[in-house]
């Protein structure tokens, strides 16, 4: 975890500390058992594991608890999501933010959530060794600034960010260029911005190809494939 993400996480805990552990939460009796409730109340907030809180993450606000209850648990939910602390798809917790209409909350809460999501993206794209297009799209819904997100992407040839850039082009360039499948939620201006950013960094791919041509044949081959895709616009 980066220092920025650590700070953003602690800011979340501080900002949402005004919400307290609910003594009881209404829940659908068909969906929420007494065991579920006791598990959720078994530990202090910061010590709840992914297993402890995952069922609540699925049920929050729809069939279990209120928006204020969700705000109490939100720092832990986002911490676990950003650090891979559970097996739940990140779209679940990010979807709950939308369901809870977080952009209508207090300004300080909105600002801290926005800062956390940006820090999460920066950590993800620089330090996690694979590109996750679903997370990019899920976070973009809330950050709503593709230019900022692309600006966080570090592309030094010896970095994981550069390897993620190769993943992006190799696995997703066709989708972005053809406005198909995964990237269909992007607007035309966003698609154009994404393509322009990729194309503008093709020179970095060319430089890296010669850098790795003799020392890492597998990587240089992937880079060459990416350059072919960009040159042919497919």
C-alpha atoms as a PDB file:
ATOM      1  CA  UNK A   1       0.000   0.000   0.000  1.00  0.00           C
ATOM      2  CA  UNK A   2       1.329   3.441  -0.900  1.00  0.00           C
ATOM      3  CA  UNK A   3       1.670   6.262   1.612  1.00  0.00           C
ATOM      4  CA  UNK A   4      -1.067   8.136  -0.241  1.00  0.00           C
ATOM      5  CA  UNK A   5      -3.460   5.209   0.069  1.00  0.00           C
ATOM      6  CA  UNK A   6      -2.587   4.752   3.759  1.00  0.00           C
ATOM      7  CA  UNK A   7      -3.324   8.414   4.422  1.00  0.00           C
ATOM      8  CA  UNK A   8      -6.538   8.300   2.390  1.00  0.00           C
ATOM      9  CA  UNK A   9      -7.649   5.213   4.321  1.00  0.00           C
ATOM     10  CA  UNK A  10      -6.992   6.821   7.683  1.00  0.00           C
ATOM     11  CA  UNK A  11      -8.848   9.946   6.532  1.00  0.00           C
ATOM     12  CA  UNK A  12     -11.851   7.745   5.757  1.00  0.00           C
ATOM     13  CA  UNK A  13     -11.810   6.248   9.234  1.00  0.00           C
ATOM     14  CA  UNK A  14     -11.588   9.699  10.792  1.00  0.00           C
ATOM     15  CA  UNK A  15     -14.255  11.282   8.604  1.00  0.00           C
ATOM     16  CA  UNK A  16     -16.769   8.486   9.110  1.00  0.00           C
ATOM     17  CA  UNK A  17     -16.042   8.000  12.821  1.00  0.00           C
ATOM     18  CA  UNK A  18     -19.100  10.124  13.625  1.00  0.00           C
ATOM     19  CA  UNK A  19     -21.187   7.103  12.609  1.00  0.00           C
ATOM     20  CA  UNK A  20     -21.350   4.528  15.366  1.00  0.00           C
ATOM     21  CA  UNK A  21     -21.667   0.778  15.551  1.00  0.00           C
ATOM     22  CA  UNK A  22     -25.379   0.131  15.148  1.00  0.00           C
ATOM     23  CA  UNK A  23     -26.851  -1.711  18.117  1.00  0.00           C
ATOM     24  CA  UNK A  24     -29.237  -3.341  15.682  1.00  0.00           C
ATOM     25  CA  UNK A  25     -29.785  -3.256  11.943  1.00  0.00           C
ATOM     26  CA  UNK A  26     -32.996  -4.168  10.238  1.00  0.00           C
ATOM     27  CA  UNK A  27     -32.550  -6.989   7.792  1.00  0.00           C
ATOM     28  CA  UNK A  28     -34.576  -9.339   5.695  1.00  0.00           C
ATOM     29  CA  UNK A  29     -35.028 -12.475   7.844  1.00  0.00           C
ATOM     30  CA  UNK A  30     -34.704 -14.623   4.737  1.00  0.00           C
ATOM     31  CA  UNK A  31     -31.337 -13.057   3.911  1.00  0.00           C
ATOM     32  CA  UNK A  32     -29.743 -12.188   7.245  1.00  0.00           C
ATOM     33  CA  UNK A  33     -29.343 -14.718  10.048  1.00  0.00           C
ATOM     34  CA  UNK A  34     -28.495 -14.191  13.695  1.00  0.00           C
ATOM     35  CA  UNK A  35     -25.089 -15.683  12.956  1.00  0.00           C
ATOM     36  CA  UNK A  36     -24.519 -13.081  10.250  1.00  0.00           C
ATOM     37  CA  UNK A  37     -25.348 -10.318  12.709  1.00  0.00           C
ATOM     38  CA  UNK A  38     -23.184 -11.700  15.510  1.00  0.00           C
ATOM     39  CA  UNK A  39     -20.239 -12.161  13.145  1.00  0.00           C
ATOM     40  CA  UNK A  40     -20.476  -8.555  12.002  1.00  0.00           C
ATOM     41  CA  UNK A  41     -20.471  -7.386  15.645  1.00  0.00           C
ATOM     42  CA  UNK A  42     -17.769  -9.785  16.815  1.00  0.00           C
ATOM     43  CA  UNK A  43     -14.748  -7.473  16.363  1.00  0.00           C
ATOM     44  CA  UNK A  44     -13.813  -3.797  16.269  1.00  0.00           C
ATOM     45  CA  UNK A  45     -14.366  -2.251  12.839  1.00  0.00           C
ATOM     46  CA  UNK A  46     -10.700  -2.157  11.836  1.00  0.00           C
ATOM     47  CA  UNK A  47     -10.237  -5.841  12.692  1.00  0.00           C
ATOM     48  CA  UNK A  48     -13.140  -7.232  10.682  1.00  0.00           C
ATOM     49  CA  UNK A  49     -11.824  -9.634   8.079  1.00  0.00           C
ATOM     50  CA  UNK A  50     -13.119 -10.023   4.568  1.00  0.00           C
ATOM     51  CA  UNK A  51     -14.894 -13.173   5.657  1.00  0.00           C
ATOM     52  CA  UNK A  52     -16.490 -11.358   8.607  1.00  0.00           C
ATOM     53  CA  UNK A  53     -17.924  -8.533   6.550  1.00  0.00           C
ATOM     54  CA  UNK A  54     -18.408  -9.963   3.055  1.00  0.00           C
ATOM     55  CA  UNK A  55     -22.023 -11.001   3.574  1.00  0.00           C
ATOM     56  CA  UNK A  56     -22.887  -7.522   4.781  1.00  0.00           C
ATOM     57  CA  UNK A  57     -21.137  -6.067   1.724  1.00  0.00           C
ATOM     58  CA  UNK A  58     -23.526  -7.972  -0.524  1.00  0.00           C
ATOM     59  CA  UNK A  59     -26.641  -7.068   1.472  1.00  0.00           C
ATOM     60  CA  UNK A  60     -25.884  -3.508   2.619  1.00  0.00           C
ATOM     61  CA  UNK A  61     -28.838  -1.128   2.303  1.00  0.00           C
ATOM     62  CA  UNK A  62     -30.828  -3.380  -0.013  1.00  0.00           C
ATOM     63  CA  UNK A  63     -31.787  -6.033   2.525  1.00  0.00           C
ATOM     64  CA  UNK A  64     -29.623  -5.184   5.523  1.00  0.00           C
ATOM     65  CA  UNK A  65     -29.252  -1.885   7.336  1.00  0.00           C
ATOM     66  CA  UNK A  66     -29.523   1.789   6.458  1.00  0.00           C
ATOM     67  CA  UNK A  67     -27.313   4.259   4.621  1.00  0.00           C
ATOM     68  CA  UNK A  68     -25.889   5.472   7.946  1.00  0.00           C
ATOM     69  CA  UNK A  69     -25.029   1.874   8.865  1.00  0.00           C
ATOM     70  CA  UNK A  70     -23.247   1.577   5.536  1.00  0.00           C
ATOM     71  CA  UNK A  71     -21.302   4.757   6.233  1.00  0.00           C
ATOM     72  CA  UNK A  72     -20.103   3.297   9.518  1.00  0.00           C
ATOM     73  CA  UNK A  73     -18.719   0.208   7.772  1.00  0.00           C
ATOM     74  CA  UNK A  74     -17.533   2.001   4.617  1.00  0.00           C
ATOM     75  CA  UNK A  75     -13.889   2.637   5.616  1.00  0.00           C
ATOM     76  CA  UNK A  76     -13.353  -1.058   6.324  1.00  0.00           C
ATOM     77  CA  UNK A  77     -15.178  -2.111   3.174  1.00  0.00           C
ATOM     78  CA  UNK A  78     -13.049   0.170   0.985  1.00  0.00           C
ATOM     79  CA  UNK A  79      -9.830  -0.818   2.751  1.00  0.00           C
ATOM     80  CA  UNK A  80     -10.503  -4.500   2.098  1.00  0.00           C
ATOM     81  CA  UNK A  81     -11.545  -3.842  -1.491  1.00  0.00           C
ATOM     82  CA  UNK A  82      -8.436  -1.833  -2.319  1.00  0.00           C
ATOM     83  CA  UNK A  83      -5.995  -4.303  -0.776  1.00  0.00           C
ATOM     84  CA  UNK A  84      -7.546  -7.550  -1.964  1.00  0.00           C
ATOM     85  CA  UNK A  85      -8.739  -8.492   1.490  1.00  0.00           C
ATOM     86  CA  UNK A  86     -11.673 -10.571   0.255  1.00  0.00           C
ATOM     87  CA  UNK A  87     -12.959 -12.530  -2.722  1.00  0.00           C
ATOM     88  CA  UNK A  88     -15.813 -10.169  -3.576  1.00  0.00           C
ATOM     89  CA  UNK A  89     -15.713  -8.384  -6.913  1.00  0.00           C
ATOM     90  CA  UNK A  90     -14.855  -4.721  -6.426  1.00  0.00           C
ATOM     91  CA  UNK A  91     -17.904  -3.750  -8.453  1.00  0.00           C
ATOM     92  CA  UNK A  92     -20.048  -4.825  -5.489  1.00  0.00           C
ATOM     93  CA  UNK A  93     -18.743  -2.250  -3.031  1.00  0.00           C
ATOM     94  CA  UNK A  94     -18.409   0.436  -5.705  1.00  0.00           C
ATOM     95  CA  UNK A  95     -21.963  -0.312  -6.782  1.00  0.00           C
ATOM     96  CA  UNK A  96     -23.069   0.141  -3.164  1.00  0.00           C
ATOM     97  CA  UNK A  97     -21.578   3.636  -3.223  1.00  0.00           C
ATOM     98  CA  UNK A  98     -23.828   4.443  -6.156  1.00  0.00           C
ATOM     99  CA  UNK A  99     -26.814   2.826  -4.450  1.00  0.00           C
ATOM    100  CA  UNK A 100     -26.176   4.928  -1.360  1.00  0.00           C
ATOM    101  CA  UNK A 101     -26.019   8.077  -3.532  1.00  0.00           C
ATOM    102  CA  UNK A 102     -22.701   9.110  -1.990  1.00  0.00           C
ATOM    103  CA  UNK A 103     -22.400  12.248  -4.104  1.00  0.00           C
ATOM    104  CA  UNK A 104     -25.293  13.715  -2.102  1.00  0.00           C
ATOM    105  CA  UNK A 105     -23.514  13.176   1.236  1.00  0.00           C
ATOM    106  CA  UNK A 106     -21.688  15.848   3.241  1.00  0.00           C
ATOM    107  CA  UNK A 107     -18.940  17.595   1.273  1.00  0.00           C
ATOM    108  CA  UNK A 108     -16.200  16.327   3.587  1.00  0.00           C
ATOM    109  CA  UNK A 109     -17.406  12.760   3.070  1.00  0.00           C
ATOM    110  CA  UNK A 110     -17.514  13.170  -0.693  1.00  0.00           C
ATOM    111  CA  UNK A 111     -14.024  14.674  -0.749  1.00  0.00           C
ATOM    112  CA  UNK A 112     -12.527  11.883   1.333  1.00  0.00           C
ATOM    113  CA  UNK A 113     -14.155   9.183  -0.762  1.00  0.00           C
ATOM    114  CA  UNK A 114     -12.966  10.865  -3.976  1.00  0.00           C
ATOM    115  CA  UNK A 115      -9.432  11.136  -2.635  1.00  0.00           C
ATOM    116  CA  UNK A 116      -9.468   7.505  -1.551  1.00  0.00           C
ATOM    117  CA  UNK A 117     -10.688   6.269  -4.941  1.00  0.00           C
ATOM    118  CA  UNK A 118      -7.982   8.252  -6.745  1.00  0.00           C
ATOM    119  CA  UNK A 119      -5.316   6.889  -4.399  1.00  0.00           C
ATOM    120  CA  UNK A 120      -6.670   3.380  -4.895  1.00  0.00           C
ATOM    121  CA  UNK A 121      -6.433   3.727  -8.673  1.00  0.00           C
ATOM    122  CA  UNK A 122      -2.882   5.066  -8.485  1.00  0.00           C
ATOM    123  CA  UNK A 123      -1.846   2.160  -6.262  1.00  0.00           C
ATOM    124  CA  UNK A 124      -3.573  -0.339  -8.550  1.00  0.00           C
ATOM    125  CA  UNK A 125      -2.076   0.849 -11.806  1.00  0.00           C
ATOM    126  CA  UNK A 126       1.467   1.339 -10.499  1.00  0.00           C
ATOM    127  CA  UNK A 127       1.943  -1.535  -8.062  1.00  0.00           C
ATOM    128  CA  UNK A 128      -0.418  -4.379  -9.009  1.00  0.00           C
ATOM    129  CA  UNK A 129       1.150  -6.653 -11.676  1.00  0.00           C
ATOM    130  CA  UNK A 130      -1.797  -6.974 -14.016  1.00  0.00           C
ATOM    131  CA  UNK A 131      -4.173  -4.550 -15.668  1.00  0.00           C
ATOM    132  CA  UNK A 132      -7.786  -4.798 -14.549  1.00  0.00           C
ATOM    133  CA  UNK A 133     -10.055  -3.056 -17.093  1.00  0.00           C
ATOM    134  CA  UNK A 134     -13.139  -3.716 -14.971  1.00  0.00           C
ATOM    135  CA  UNK A 135     -11.691  -1.780 -12.050  1.00  0.00           C
ATOM    136  CA  UNK A 136     -10.740   1.114 -14.304  1.00  0.00           C
ATOM    137  CA  UNK A 137     -14.310   1.349 -15.566  1.00  0.00           C
ATOM    138  CA  UNK A 138     -15.851   0.871 -12.101  1.00  0.00           C
ATOM    139  CA  UNK A 139     -13.658   3.604 -10.604  1.00  0.00           C
ATOM    140  CA  UNK A 140     -14.210   5.904 -13.569  1.00  0.00           C
ATOM    141  CA  UNK A 141     -17.941   5.934 -12.810  1.00  0.00           C
ATOM    142  CA  UNK A 142     -17.119   7.593  -9.473  1.00  0.00           C
ATOM    143  CA  UNK A 143     -13.964   9.569 -10.267  1.00  0.00           C
ATOM    144  CA  UNK A 144     -15.433  10.775 -13.570  1.00  0.00           C
ATOM    145  CA  UNK A 145     -12.087  12.049 -14.843  1.00  0.00           C
ATOM    146  CA  UNK A 146     -10.362   9.741 -17.319  1.00  0.00           C
ATOM    147  CA  UNK A 147      -7.641  12.289 -18.025  1.00  0.00           C
ATOM    148  CA  UNK A 148      -6.689  12.361 -14.339  1.00  0.00           C
ATOM    149  CA  UNK A 149      -6.673   8.561 -14.167  1.00  0.00           C
ATOM    150  CA  UNK A 150      -4.425   8.254 -17.206  1.00  0.00           C
ATOM    151  CA  UNK A 151      -2.163  10.943 -15.800  1.00  0.00           C
ATOM    152  CA  UNK A 152      -1.501   8.736 -12.751  1.00  0.00           C
ATOM    153  CA  UNK A 153      -0.176   5.948 -14.972  1.00  0.00           C
ATOM    154  CA  UNK A 154       3.632   5.772 -14.737  1.00  0.00           C
ATOM    155  CA  UNK A 155       5.258   4.285 -17.830  1.00  0.00           C
ATOM    156  CA  UNK A 156       8.958   3.860 -17.052  1.00  0.00           C
ATOM    157  CA  UNK A 157      10.096   0.718 -18.881  1.00  0.00           C
ATOM    158  CA  UNK A 158      11.215  -1.030 -15.676  1.00  0.00           C
ATOM    159  CA  UNK A 159       7.939  -0.402 -13.862  1.00  0.00           C
ATOM    160  CA  UNK A 160       4.826  -2.490 -13.299  1.00  0.00           C
ATOM    161  CA  UNK A 161       2.914   0.447 -14.735  1.00  0.00           C
ATOM    162  CA  UNK A 162       4.623  -0.166 -18.077  1.00  0.00           C
ATOM    163  CA  UNK A 163       3.771  -3.875 -17.951  1.00  0.00           C
ATOM    164  CA  UNK A 164       0.172  -2.896 -17.258  1.00  0.00           C
ATOM    165  CA  UNK A 165       0.272  -0.595 -20.268  1.00  0.00           C
ATOM    166  CA  UNK A 166       1.345  -3.558 -22.396  1.00  0.00           C
ATOM    167  CA  UNK A 167      -1.555  -5.580 -20.936  1.00  0.00           C
ATOM    168  CA  UNK A 168      -3.934  -2.766 -21.790  1.00  0.00           C
ATOM    169  CA  UNK A 169      -2.861  -2.547 -25.405  1.00  0.00           C
ATOM    170  CA  UNK A 170      -2.408  -6.262 -25.984  1.00  0.00           C
ATOM    171  CA  UNK A 171      -5.750  -7.319 -24.502  1.00  0.00           C
ATOM    172  CA  UNK A 172      -7.978  -4.275 -24.929  1.00  0.00           C
ATOM    173  CA  UNK A 173      -6.840  -2.031 -27.778  1.00  0.00           C
ATOM    174  CA  UNK A 174      -9.310  -3.558 -30.204  1.00  0.00           C
ATOM    175  CA  UNK A 175     -12.197  -2.979 -27.800  1.00  0.00           C
ATOM    176  CA  UNK A 176     -11.259   0.633 -27.207  1.00  0.00           C
ATOM    177  CA  UNK A 177     -10.655   1.341 -30.877  1.00  0.00           C
ATOM    178  CA  UNK A 178     -13.816  -0.403 -32.088  1.00  0.00           C
ATOM    179  CA  UNK A 179     -16.067   0.770 -29.206  1.00  0.00           C
ATOM    180  CA  UNK A 180     -17.024  -2.793 -28.433  1.00  0.00           C
ATOM    181  CA  UNK A 181     -17.694  -5.047 -25.416  1.00  0.00           C
ATOM    182  CA  UNK A 182     -15.949  -3.925 -22.215  1.00  0.00           C
ATOM    183  CA  UNK A 183     -15.357  -0.302 -23.121  1.00  0.00           C
ATOM    184  CA  UNK A 184     -18.759   0.436 -24.574  1.00  0.00           C
ATOM    185  CA  UNK A 185     -19.685   2.495 -21.502  1.00  0.00           C
ATOM    186  CA  UNK A 186     -17.122   5.109 -22.501  1.00  0.00           C
ATOM    187  CA  UNK A 187     -18.412   8.168 -24.297  1.00  0.00           C
ATOM    188  CA  UNK A 188     -16.974   9.074 -27.673  1.00  0.00           C
ATOM    189  CA  UNK A 189     -14.819  11.869 -26.164  1.00  0.00           C
ATOM    190  CA  UNK A 190     -13.525   9.411 -23.546  1.00  0.00           C
ATOM    191  CA  UNK A 191     -12.738   6.812 -26.204  1.00  0.00           C
ATOM    192  CA  UNK A 192     -10.914   9.428 -28.246  1.00  0.00           C
ATOM    193  CA  UNK A 193      -8.934  10.545 -25.205  1.00  0.00           C
ATOM    194  CA  UNK A 194      -8.017   6.945 -24.364  1.00  0.00           C
ATOM    195  CA  UNK A 195      -6.874   6.214 -27.920  1.00  0.00           C
ATOM    196  CA  UNK A 196      -4.902   9.439 -28.180  1.00  0.00           C
ATOM    197  CA  UNK A 197      -3.152   8.636 -24.908  1.00  0.00           C
ATOM    198  CA  UNK A 198      -2.266   5.114 -26.041  1.00  0.00           C
ATOM    199  CA  UNK A 199      -1.088   6.269 -29.441  1.00  0.00           C
ATOM    200  CA  UNK A 200       0.961   9.119 -27.969  1.00  0.00           C
ATOM    201  CA  UNK A 201       2.868   6.610 -25.841  1.00  0.00           C
ATOM    202  CA  UNK A 202       3.730   4.300 -28.724  1.00  0.00           C
ATOM    203  CA  UNK A 203       7.200   5.890 -28.822  1.00  0.00           C
ATOM    204  CA  UNK A 204       7.792   4.500 -25.323  1.00  0.00           C
ATOM    205  CA  UNK A 205       6.928   1.055 -26.649  1.00  0.00           C
ATOM    206  CA  UNK A 206       9.379   1.470 -29.505  1.00  0.00           C
ATOM    207  CA  UNK A 207      12.151   2.513 -27.135  1.00  0.00           C
ATOM    208  CA  UNK A 208      11.396  -0.380 -24.793  1.00  0.00           C
ATOM    209  CA  UNK A 209      11.405  -2.861 -27.667  1.00  0.00           C
ATOM    210  CA  UNK A 210      15.054  -2.111 -28.410  1.00  0.00           C
ATOM    211  CA  UNK A 211      15.857  -2.046 -24.710  1.00  0.00           C
ATOM    212  CA  UNK A 212      14.505  -5.582 -24.173  1.00  0.00           C
ATOM    213  CA  UNK A 213      15.156  -7.062 -27.626  1.00  0.00           C
ATOM    214  CA  UNK A 214      18.165  -9.075 -26.457  1.00  0.00           C
ATOM    215  CA  UNK A 215      17.577  -9.330 -22.713  1.00  0.00           C
ATOM    216  CA  UNK A 216      13.891 -10.298 -22.582  1.00  0.00           C
ATOM    217  CA  UNK A 217      12.714 -11.803 -25.852  1.00  0.00           C
ATOM    218  CA  UNK A 218       9.242 -12.680 -24.560  1.00  0.00           C
ATOM    219  CA  UNK A 219       8.599  -9.118 -23.435  1.00  0.00           C
ATOM    220  CA  UNK A 220      10.019  -7.573 -26.606  1.00  0.00           C
ATOM    221  CA  UNK A 221       7.748  -9.838 -28.648  1.00  0.00           C
ATOM    222  CA  UNK A 222       4.712  -8.617 -26.726  1.00  0.00           C
ATOM    223  CA  UNK A 223       5.809  -5.023 -27.239  1.00  0.00           C
ATOM    224  CA  UNK A 224       6.200  -5.670 -30.959  1.00  0.00           C
ATOM    225  CA  UNK A 225       2.682  -7.095 -31.100  1.00  0.00           C
ATOM    226  CA  UNK A 226       1.364  -3.983 -29.371  1.00  0.00           C
ATOM    227  CA  UNK A 227       3.107  -1.726 -31.844  1.00  0.00           C
ATOM    228  CA  UNK A 228       1.653  -3.706 -34.745  1.00  0.00           C
ATOM    229  CA  UNK A 229      -1.831  -3.293 -33.304  1.00  0.00           C
ATOM    230  CA  UNK A 230      -1.418   0.447 -32.856  1.00  0.00           C
ATOM    231  CA  UNK A 231       0.088   0.890 -36.330  1.00  0.00           C
ATOM    232  CA  UNK A 232      -2.722  -1.068 -37.968  1.00  0.00           C
ATOM    233  CA  UNK A 233      -5.412   0.471 -35.708  1.00  0.00           C
ATOM    234  CA  UNK A 234      -6.949  -2.931 -34.881  1.00  0.00           C
END
